[in-house]
Every structure is written in C-alpha cells, then in structure tokens.
Amino acid sequence: EREFVAAIRQLGGNRYYSDSVKGRFTISRDNNE
C-alpha cells in the first residue's frame, strides 16, 4: 500500500515524518520556485 513519508505545512511551517525515515530524510519547500 502507499504509505506516508513526510509533510510540511503551508508557507514553511511544521514538518512531519514517518518513523521509518525520521533522521534520514528532510522535507523542505521553496515557495518562490
């Protein structure tokens, strides 16, 4: 099944990670791009 990895709030808010990737993956966003 498809599973959650990570998410980030609008603008540049809170970040969330699944336990399996926490500490290894980093989610980020560039709103200008």
PDB file of all heavy atoms in Angstrom:
ATOM      1  N   GLU A   1       0.830  -1.193   0.000  1.00  0.00           N
ATOM      2  CA  GLU A   1       0.000   0.000   0.000  1.00  0.00           C
ATOM      3  C   GLU A   1       0.869   1.249   0.000  1.00  0.00           C
ATOM      4  O   GLU A   1       2.008   1.238   0.468  1.00  0.00           O
ATOM      5  CB  GLU A   1      -0.917   0.008   1.222  1.00  0.00           C
ATOM      6  CG  GLU A   1      -1.902  -1.143   1.282  1.00  0.00           C
ATOM      7  CD  GLU A   1      -2.931  -1.071   0.184  1.00  0.00           C
ATOM      8  OE1 GLU A   1      -3.356   0.046  -0.172  1.00  0.00           O
ATOM      9  OE2 GLU A   1      -3.319  -2.129  -0.327  1.00  0.00           O
ATOM     10  N   ARG A   2       0.307   2.319  -0.516  1.00  0.00           N
ATOM     11  CA  ARG A   2       1.012   3.591  -0.476  1.00  0.00           C
ATOM     12  C   ARG A   2       1.094   4.073   0.972  1.00  0.00           C
ATOM     13  O   ARG A   2       0.116   3.995   1.717  1.00  0.00           O
ATOM     14  CB  ARG A   2       0.292   4.617  -1.346  1.00  0.00           C
ATOM     15  CG  ARG A   2       1.037   5.927  -1.497  1.00  0.00           C
ATOM     16  CD  ARG A   2       0.665   6.636  -2.788  1.00  0.00           C
ATOM     17  NE  ARG A   2      -0.762   6.832  -2.928  1.00  0.00           N
ATOM     18  CZ  ARG A   2      -1.339   7.311  -4.020  1.00  0.00           C
ATOM     19  NH1 ARG A   2      -0.592   7.620  -5.083  1.00  0.00           N
ATOM     20  NH2 ARG A   2      -2.646   7.467  -4.068  1.00  0.00           N
ATOM     21  N   GLU A   3       2.260   4.568   1.368  1.00  0.00           N
ATOM     22  CA  GLU A   3       2.466   4.969   2.743  1.00  0.00           C
ATOM     23  C   GLU A   3       3.015   6.384   2.836  1.00  0.00           C
ATOM     24  O   GLU A   3       3.699   6.872   1.934  1.00  0.00           O
ATOM     25  CB  GLU A   3       3.416   4.000   3.454  1.00  0.00           C
ATOM     26  CG  GLU A   3       4.828   3.992   2.900  1.00  0.00           C
ATOM     27  CD  GLU A   3       5.750   3.068   3.673  1.00  0.00           C
ATOM     28  OE1 GLU A   3       5.312   2.468   4.675  1.00  0.00           O
ATOM     29  OE2 GLU A   3       6.928   2.943   3.270  1.00  0.00           O
ATOM     30  N   PHE A   4       2.740   7.004   3.956  1.00  0.00           N
ATOM     31  CA  PHE A   4       3.187   8.353   4.224  1.00  0.00           C
ATOM     32  C   PHE A   4       4.685   8.391   4.464  1.00  0.00           C
ATOM     33  O   PHE A   4       5.241   7.507   5.119  1.00  0.00           O
ATOM     34  CB  PHE A   4       2.442   8.895   5.443  1.00  0.00           C
ATOM     35  CG  PHE A   4       2.961  10.200   5.957  1.00  0.00           C
ATOM     36  CD1 PHE A   4       2.698  11.382   5.285  1.00  0.00           C
ATOM     37  CD2 PHE A   4       3.707  10.253   7.119  1.00  0.00           C
ATOM     38  CE1 PHE A   4       3.168  12.601   5.757  1.00  0.00           C
ATOM     39  CE2 PHE A   4       4.181  11.454   7.613  1.00  0.00           C
ATOM     40  CZ  PHE A   4       3.910  12.630   6.922  1.00  0.00           C
ATOM     41  N   VAL A   5       5.339   9.436   3.962  1.00  0.00           N
ATOM     42  CA  VAL A   5       6.765   9.629   4.175  1.00  0.00           C
ATOM     43  C   VAL A   5       7.025  10.896   4.985  1.00  0.00           C
ATOM     44  O   VAL A   5       7.652  10.851   6.044  1.00  0.00           O
ATOM     45  CB  VAL A   5       7.531   9.708   2.845  1.00  0.00           C
ATOM     46  CG1 VAL A   5       9.010  10.004   3.096  1.00  0.00           C
ATOM     47  CG2 VAL A   5       7.364   8.408   2.064  1.00  0.00           C
ATOM     48  N   ALA A   6       6.544  12.035   4.488  1.00  0.00           N
ATOM     49  CA  ALA A   6       6.805  13.311   5.142  1.00  0.00           C
ATOM     50  C   ALA A   6       5.830  14.359   4.642  1.00  0.00           C
ATOM     51  O   ALA A   6       5.251  14.220   3.565  1.00  0.00           O
ATOM     52  CB  ALA A   6       8.247  13.771   4.883  1.00  0.00           C
ATOM     53  N   ALA A   7       5.658  15.423   5.415  1.00  0.00           N
ATOM     54  CA  ALA A   7       4.798  16.532   5.020  1.00  0.00           C
ATOM     55  C   ALA A   7       5.316  17.825   5.631  1.00  0.00           C
ATOM     56  O   ALA A   7       6.033  17.810   6.643  1.00  0.00           O
ATOM     57  CB  ALA A   7       3.352  16.294   5.444  1.00  0.00           C
ATOM     58  N   ILE A   8       4.933  18.940   5.024  1.00  0.00           N
ATOM     59  CA  ILE A   8       5.309  20.257   5.527  1.00  0.00           C
ATOM     60  C   ILE A   8       4.121  21.193   5.373  1.00  0.00           C
ATOM     61  O   ILE A   8       3.426  21.172   4.360  1.00  0.00           O
ATOM     62  CB  ILE A   8       6.564  20.796   4.803  1.00  0.00           C
ATOM     63  CG1 ILE A   8       7.025  22.122   5.418  1.00  0.00           C
ATOM     64  CG2 ILE A   8       6.324  20.924   3.309  1.00  0.00           C
ATOM     65  CD1 ILE A   8       8.405  22.561   4.926  1.00  0.00           C
ATOM     66  N   ARG A   9       3.905  22.017   6.380  1.00  0.00           N
ATOM     67  CA  ARG A   9       2.784  22.935   6.376  1.00  0.00           C
ATOM     68  C   ARG A   9       2.953  24.059   5.358  1.00  0.00           C
ATOM     69  O   ARG A   9       4.044  24.264   4.823  1.00  0.00           O
ATOM     70  CB  ARG A   9       2.598  23.558   7.754  1.00  0.00           C
ATOM     71  CG  ARG A   9       2.065  22.605   8.813  1.00  0.00           C
ATOM     72  CD  ARG A   9       0.621  22.293   8.556  1.00  0.00           C
ATOM     73  NE  ARG A   9       0.045  21.493   9.628  1.00  0.00           N
ATOM     74  CZ  ARG A   9      -1.119  20.893   9.552  1.00  0.00           C
ATOM     75  NH1 ARG A   9      -1.864  21.011   8.451  1.00  0.00           N
ATOM     76  NH2 ARG A   9      -1.560  20.179  10.578  1.00  0.00           N
ATOM     77  N   GLN A  10       1.864  24.762   5.123  1.00  0.00           N
ATOM     78  CA  GLN A  10       1.891  25.912   4.228  1.00  0.00           C
ATOM     79  C   GLN A  10       2.923  26.933   4.694  1.00  0.00           C
ATOM     80  O   GLN A  10       3.258  27.015   5.878  1.00  0.00           O
ATOM     81  CB  GLN A  10       0.495  26.551   4.140  1.00  0.00           C
ATOM     82  CG  GLN A  10      -0.070  26.998   5.488  1.00  0.00           C
ATOM     83  CD  GLN A  10      -0.871  25.911   6.169  1.00  0.00           C
ATOM     84  OE1 GLN A  10      -0.685  24.728   5.887  1.00  0.00           O
ATOM     85  NE2 GLN A  10      -1.756  26.295   7.070  1.00  0.00           N
ATOM     86  N   LEU A  11       3.413  27.699   3.732  1.00  0.00           N
ATOM     87  CA  LEU A  11       4.490  28.675   3.938  1.00  0.00           C
ATOM     88  C   LEU A  11       5.797  27.945   4.230  1.00  0.00           C
ATOM     89  O   LEU A  11       6.543  27.619   3.320  1.00  0.00           O
ATOM     90  CB  LEU A  11       4.136  29.667   5.039  1.00  0.00           C
ATOM     91  CG  LEU A  11       2.915  30.544   4.758  1.00  0.00           C
ATOM     92  CD1 LEU A  11       2.628  31.444   5.955  1.00  0.00           C
ATOM     93  CD2 LEU A  11       3.127  31.389   3.515  1.00  0.00           C
ATOM     94  N   GLY A  12       6.076  27.707   5.470  1.00  0.00           N
ATOM     95  CA  GLY A  12       7.262  26.966   5.868  1.00  0.00           C
ATOM     96  C   GLY A  12       7.104  26.457   7.276  1.00  0.00           C
ATOM     97  O   GLY A  12       8.026  26.543   8.095  1.00  0.00           O
ATOM     98  N   GLY A  13       5.914  25.938   7.545  1.00  0.00           N
ATOM     99  CA  GLY A  13       5.528  25.554   8.880  1.00  0.00           C
ATOM    100  C   GLY A  13       6.080  24.220   9.335  1.00  0.00           C
ATOM    101  O   GLY A  13       7.146  23.772   8.903  1.00  0.00           O
ATOM    102  N   ASN A  14       5.331  23.576  10.212  1.00  0.00           N
ATOM    103  CA  ASN A  14       5.760  22.334  10.832  1.00  0.00           C
ATOM    104  C   ASN A  14       6.064  21.249   9.815  1.00  0.00           C
ATOM    105  O   ASN A  14       5.435  21.165   8.759  1.00  0.00           O
ATOM    106  CB  ASN A  14       4.695  21.828  11.800  1.00  0.00           C
ATOM    107  CG  ASN A  14       4.507  22.744  12.994  1.00  0.00           C
ATOM    108  OD1 ASN A  14       5.377  23.545  13.324  1.00  0.00           O
ATOM    109  ND2 ASN A  14       3.359  22.613  13.648  1.00  0.00           N
ATOM    110  N   ARG A  15       7.024  20.405  10.172  1.00  0.00           N
ATOM    111  CA  ARG A  15       7.392  19.259   9.362  1.00  0.00           C
ATOM    112  C   ARG A  15       7.035  17.979  10.100  1.00  0.00           C
ATOM    113  O   ARG A  15       7.135  17.902  11.323  1.00  0.00           O
ATOM    114  CB  ARG A  15       8.885  19.278   9.047  1.00  0.00           C
ATOM    115  CG  ARG A  15       9.339  20.504   8.290  1.00  0.00           C
ATOM    116  CD  ARG A  15      10.837  20.527   8.145  1.00  0.00           C
ATOM    117  NE  ARG A  15      11.298  21.733   7.469  1.00  0.00           N
ATOM    118  CZ  ARG A  15      12.563  22.004   7.198  1.00  0.00           C
ATOM    119  NH1 ARG A  15      13.514  21.130   7.543  1.00  0.00           N
ATOM    120  NH2 ARG A  15      12.886  23.128   6.590  1.00  0.00           N
ATOM    121  N   TYR A  16       6.643  16.972   9.337  1.00  0.00           N
ATOM    122  CA  TYR A  16       6.239  15.694   9.902  1.00  0.00           C
ATOM    123  C   TYR A  16       6.900  14.568   9.120  1.00  0.00           C
ATOM    124  O   TYR A  16       7.022  14.641   7.898  1.00  0.00           O
ATOM    125  CB  TYR A  16       4.714  15.530   9.837  1.00  0.00           C
ATOM    126  CG  TYR A  16       3.948  16.690  10.426  1.00  0.00           C
ATOM    127  CD1 TYR A  16       3.595  17.773   9.642  1.00  0.00           C
ATOM    128  CD2 TYR A  16       3.576  16.694  11.768  1.00  0.00           C
ATOM    129  CE1 TYR A  16       2.895  18.845  10.177  1.00  0.00           C
ATOM    130  CE2 TYR A  16       2.877  17.756  12.311  1.00  0.00           C
ATOM    131  CZ  TYR A  16       2.538  18.827  11.513  1.00  0.00           C
ATOM    132  OH  TYR A  16       1.843  19.886  12.042  1.00  0.00           O
ATOM    133  N   TYR A  17       7.293  13.501   9.830  1.00  0.00           N
ATOM    134  CA  TYR A  17       7.971  12.381   9.203  1.00  0.00           C
ATOM    135  C   TYR A  17       7.438  11.062   9.745  1.00  0.00           C
ATOM    136  O   TYR A  17       7.071  10.961  10.911  1.00  0.00           O
ATOM    137  CB  TYR A  17       9.473  12.424   9.465  1.00  0.00           C
ATOM    138  CG  TYR A  17      10.165  13.641   8.924  1.00  0.00           C
ATOM    139  CD1 TYR A  17      10.367  14.766   9.726  1.00  0.00           C
ATOM    140  CD2 TYR A  17      10.625  13.680   7.616  1.00  0.00           C
ATOM    141  CE1 TYR A  17      11.005  15.886   9.226  1.00  0.00           C
ATOM    142  CE2 TYR A  17      11.268  14.800   7.115  1.00  0.00           C
ATOM    143  CZ  TYR A  17      11.453  15.901   7.925  1.00  0.00           C
ATOM    144  OH  TYR A  17      12.091  17.012   7.433  1.00  0.00           O
ATOM    145  N   SER A  18       7.446  10.057   8.886  1.00  0.00           N
ATOM    146  CA  SER A  18       7.165   8.717   9.356  1.00  0.00           C
ATOM    147  C   SER A  18       8.353   8.220  10.169  1.00  0.00           C
ATOM    148  O   SER A  18       9.493   8.672   9.989  1.00  0.00           O
ATOM    149  CB  SER A  18       6.890   7.771   8.187  1.00  0.00           C
ATOM    150  OG  SER A  18       8.065   7.564   7.427  1.00  0.00           O
ATOM    151  N   ASP A  19       8.102   7.274  11.053  1.00  0.00           N
ATOM    152  CA  ASP A  19       9.177   6.749  11.887  1.00  0.00           C
ATOM    153  C   ASP A  19      10.279   6.090  11.060  1.00  0.00           C
ATOM    154  O   ASP A  19      11.451   6.116  11.449  1.00  0.00           O
ATOM    155  CB  ASP A  19       8.622   5.739  12.888  1.00  0.00           C
ATOM    156  CG  ASP A  19       7.764   6.389  13.957  1.00  0.00           C
ATOM    157  OD1 ASP A  19       7.911   7.599  14.195  1.00  0.00           O
ATOM    158  OD2 ASP A  19       6.950   5.674  14.571  1.00  0.00           O
ATOM    159  N   SER A  20       9.927   5.523   9.932  1.00  0.00           N
ATOM    160  CA  SER A  20      10.895   4.795   9.133  1.00  0.00           C
ATOM    161  C   SER A  20      11.924   5.697   8.449  1.00  0.00           C
ATOM    162  O   SER A  20      12.989   5.221   8.054  1.00  0.00           O
ATOM    163  CB  SER A  20      10.183   3.945   8.075  1.00  0.00           C
ATOM    164  OG  SER A  20       9.464   4.756   7.175  1.00  0.00           O
ATOM    165  N   VAL A  21      11.622   6.989   8.303  1.00  0.00           N
ATOM    166  CA  VAL A  21      12.540   7.899   7.618  1.00  0.00           C
ATOM    167  C   VAL A  21      13.061   9.010   8.510  1.00  0.00           C
ATOM    168  O   VAL A  21      13.989   9.727   8.110  1.00  0.00           O
ATOM    169  CB  VAL A  21      11.899   8.513   6.361  1.00  0.00           C
ATOM    170  CG1 VAL A  21      11.332   7.430   5.464  1.00  0.00           C
ATOM    171  CG2 VAL A  21      10.822   9.527   6.731  1.00  0.00           C
ATOM    172  N   LYS A  22      12.502   9.168   9.677  1.00  0.00           N
ATOM    173  CA  LYS A  22      12.908  10.246  10.576  1.00  0.00           C
ATOM    174  C   LYS A  22      14.398  10.146  10.887  1.00  0.00           C
ATOM    175  O   LYS A  22      14.907   9.083  11.229  1.00  0.00           O
ATOM    176  CB  LYS A  22      12.088  10.193  11.858  1.00  0.00           C
ATOM    177  CG  LYS A  22      12.288  11.390  12.781  1.00  0.00           C
ATOM    178  CD  LYS A  22      11.343  11.326  13.971  1.00  0.00           C
ATOM    179  CE  LYS A  22       9.891  11.401  13.531  1.00  0.00           C
ATOM    180  NZ  LYS A  22       8.956  11.406  14.690  1.00  0.00           N
ATOM    181  N   GLY A  23      15.082  11.277  10.754  1.00  0.00           N
ATOM    182  CA  GLY A  23      16.517  11.310  10.983  1.00  0.00           C
ATOM    183  C   GLY A  23      17.337  11.081   9.736  1.00  0.00           C
ATOM    184  O   GLY A  23      18.544  11.351   9.739  1.00  0.00           O
ATOM    185  N   ARG A  24      16.719  10.588   8.673  1.00  0.00           N
ATOM    186  CA  ARG A  24      17.415  10.337   7.414  1.00  0.00           C
ATOM    187  C   ARG A  24      16.920  11.228   6.282  1.00  0.00           C
ATOM    188  O   ARG A  24      17.697  11.618   5.415  1.00  0.00           O
ATOM    189  CB  ARG A  24      17.258   8.880   6.994  1.00  0.00           C
ATOM    190  CG  ARG A  24      17.862   7.884   7.977  1.00  0.00           C
ATOM    191  CD  ARG A  24      17.829   6.466   7.407  1.00  0.00           C
ATOM    192  NE  ARG A  24      16.467   6.001   7.162  1.00  0.00           N
ATOM    193  CZ  ARG A  24      15.995   5.643   5.970  1.00  0.00           C
ATOM    194  NH1 ARG A  24      16.783   5.698   4.903  1.00  0.00           N
ATOM    195  NH2 ARG A  24      14.742   5.219   5.847  1.00  0.00           N
ATOM    196  N   PHE A  25      15.627  11.522   6.268  1.00  0.00           N
ATOM    197  CA  PHE A  25      15.023  12.335   5.212  1.00  0.00           C
ATOM    198  C   PHE A  25      14.695  13.723   5.746  1.00  0.00           C
ATOM    199  O   PHE A  25      14.353  13.885   6.921  1.00  0.00           O
ATOM    200  CB  PHE A  25      13.731  11.703   4.704  1.00  0.00           C
ATOM    201  CG  PHE A  25      13.904  10.416   3.947  1.00  0.00           C
ATOM    202  CD1 PHE A  25      15.116   9.744   3.892  1.00  0.00           C
ATOM    203  CD2 PHE A  25      12.812   9.873   3.279  1.00  0.00           C
ATOM    204  CE1 PHE A  25      15.257   8.557   3.195  1.00  0.00           C
ATOM    205  CE2 PHE A  25      12.943   8.685   2.577  1.00  0.00           C
ATOM    206  CZ  PHE A  25      14.151   8.029   2.531  1.00  0.00           C
ATOM    207  N   THR A  26      14.756  14.715   4.862  1.00  0.00           N
ATOM    208  CA  THR A  26      14.395  16.076   5.207  1.00  0.00           C
ATOM    209  C   THR A  26      13.482  16.648   4.138  1.00  0.00           C
ATOM    210  O   THR A  26      13.830  16.657   2.955  1.00  0.00           O
ATOM    211  CB  THR A  26      15.632  16.976   5.341  1.00  0.00           C
ATOM    212  OG1 THR A  26      16.505  16.447   6.347  1.00  0.00           O
ATOM    213  CG2 THR A  26      15.215  18.389   5.746  1.00  0.00           C
ATOM    214  N   ILE A  27      12.307  17.117   4.549  1.00  0.00           N
ATOM    215  CA  ILE A  27      11.386  17.752   3.621  1.00  0.00           C
ATOM    216  C   ILE A  27      11.554  19.264   3.714  1.00  0.00           C
ATOM    217  O   ILE A  27      11.744  19.816   4.800  1.00  0.00           O
ATOM    218  CB  ILE A  27       9.927  17.335   3.906  1.00  0.00           C
ATOM    219  CG1 ILE A  27       8.997  17.853   2.806  1.00  0.00           C
ATOM    220  CG2 ILE A  27       9.468  17.798   5.282  1.00  0.00           C
ATOM    221  CD1 ILE A  27       7.584  17.280   2.892  1.00  0.00           C
ATOM    222  N   SER A  28      11.500  19.930   2.580  1.00  0.00           N
ATOM    223  CA  SER A  28      11.617  21.379   2.539  1.00  0.00           C
ATOM    224  C   SER A  28      10.858  21.912   1.335  1.00  0.00           C
ATOM    225  O   SER A  28      10.427  21.151   0.467  1.00  0.00           O
ATOM    226  CB  SER A  28      13.090  21.811   2.490  1.00  0.00           C
ATOM    227  OG  SER A  28      13.716  21.338   1.312  1.00  0.00           O
ATOM    228  N   ARG A  29      10.699  23.224   1.290  1.00  0.00           N
ATOM    229  CA  ARG A  29       9.997  23.834   0.170  1.00  0.00           C
ATOM    230  C   ARG A  29      10.599  25.185  -0.155  1.00  0.00           C
ATOM    231  O   ARG A  29      11.122  25.886   0.721  1.00  0.00           O
ATOM    232  CB  ARG A  29       8.498  23.981   0.483  1.00  0.00           C
ATOM    233  CG  ARG A  29       8.190  24.942   1.632  1.00  0.00           C
ATOM    234  CD  ARG A  29       6.746  24.806   2.096  1.00  0.00           C
ATOM    235  NE  ARG A  29       5.800  25.140   1.042  1.00  0.00           N
ATOM    236  CZ  ARG A  29       4.498  24.865   1.087  1.00  0.00           C
ATOM    237  NH1 ARG A  29       3.998  24.222   2.148  1.00  0.00           N
ATOM    238  NH2 ARG A  29       3.711  25.207   0.083  1.00  0.00           N
ATOM    239  N   ASP A  30      10.512  25.550  -1.417  1.00  0.00           N
ATOM    240  CA  ASP A  30      10.916  26.861  -1.897  1.00  0.00           C
ATOM    241  C   ASP A  30       9.680  27.479  -2.535  1.00  0.00           C
ATOM    242  O   ASP A  30       9.337  27.159  -3.669  1.00  0.00           O
ATOM    243  CB  ASP A  30      12.058  26.755  -2.899  1.00  0.00           C
ATOM    244  CG  ASP A  30      12.597  28.116  -3.309  1.00  0.00           C
ATOM    245  OD1 ASP A  30      11.858  29.106  -3.256  1.00  0.00           O
ATOM    246  OD2 ASP A  30      13.782  28.186  -3.689  1.00  0.00           O
ATOM    247  N   ASN A  31       9.015  28.340  -1.803  1.00  0.00           N
ATOM    248  CA  ASN A  31       7.762  28.905  -2.287  1.00  0.00           C
ATOM    249  C   ASN A  31       7.953  29.839  -3.477  1.00  0.00           C
ATOM    250  O   ASN A  31       7.063  29.973  -4.311  1.00  0.00           O
ATOM    251  CB  ASN A  31       7.043  29.627  -1.151  1.00  0.00           C
ATOM    252  CG  ASN A  31       6.560  28.682  -0.074  1.00  0.00           C
ATOM    253  OD1 ASN A  31       6.100  27.574  -0.366  1.00  0.00           O
ATOM    254  ND2 ASN A  31       6.655  29.102   1.181  1.00  0.00           N
ATOM    255  N   ASN A  32       9.103  30.492  -3.552  1.00  0.00           N
ATOM    256  CA  ASN A  32       9.375  31.365  -4.690  1.00  0.00           C
ATOM    257  C   ASN A  32       9.513  30.570  -5.987  1.00  0.00           C
ATOM    258  O   ASN A  32       9.185  31.073  -7.060  1.00  0.00           O
ATOM    259  CB  ASN A  32      10.635  32.189  -4.449  1.00  0.00           C
ATOM    260  CG  ASN A  32      10.454  33.224  -3.364  1.00  0.00           C
ATOM    261  OD1 ASN A  32       9.355  33.734  -3.147  1.00  0.00           O
ATOM    262  ND2 ASN A  32      11.539  33.546  -2.672  1.00  0.00           N
ATOM    263  N   GLU A  33      10.004  29.343  -5.884  1.00  0.00           N
ATOM    264  CA  GLU A  33      10.182  28.482  -7.050  1.00  0.00           C
ATOM    265  C   GLU A  33       9.061  27.459  -7.197  1.00  0.00           C
ATOM    266  O   GLU A  33       9.100  26.654  -8.127  1.00  0.00           O
ATOM    267  CB  GLU A  33      11.523  27.759  -6.971  1.00  0.00           C
ATOM    268  CG  GLU A  33      12.730  28.681  -6.977  1.00  0.00           C
ATOM    269  CD  GLU A  33      12.865  29.426  -8.287  1.00  0.00           C
ATOM    270  OE1 GLU A  33      12.453  28.879  -9.334  1.00  0.00           O
ATOM    271  OE2 GLU A  33      13.370  30.565  -8.274  1.00  0.00           O
TER     272      GLU A  33
END
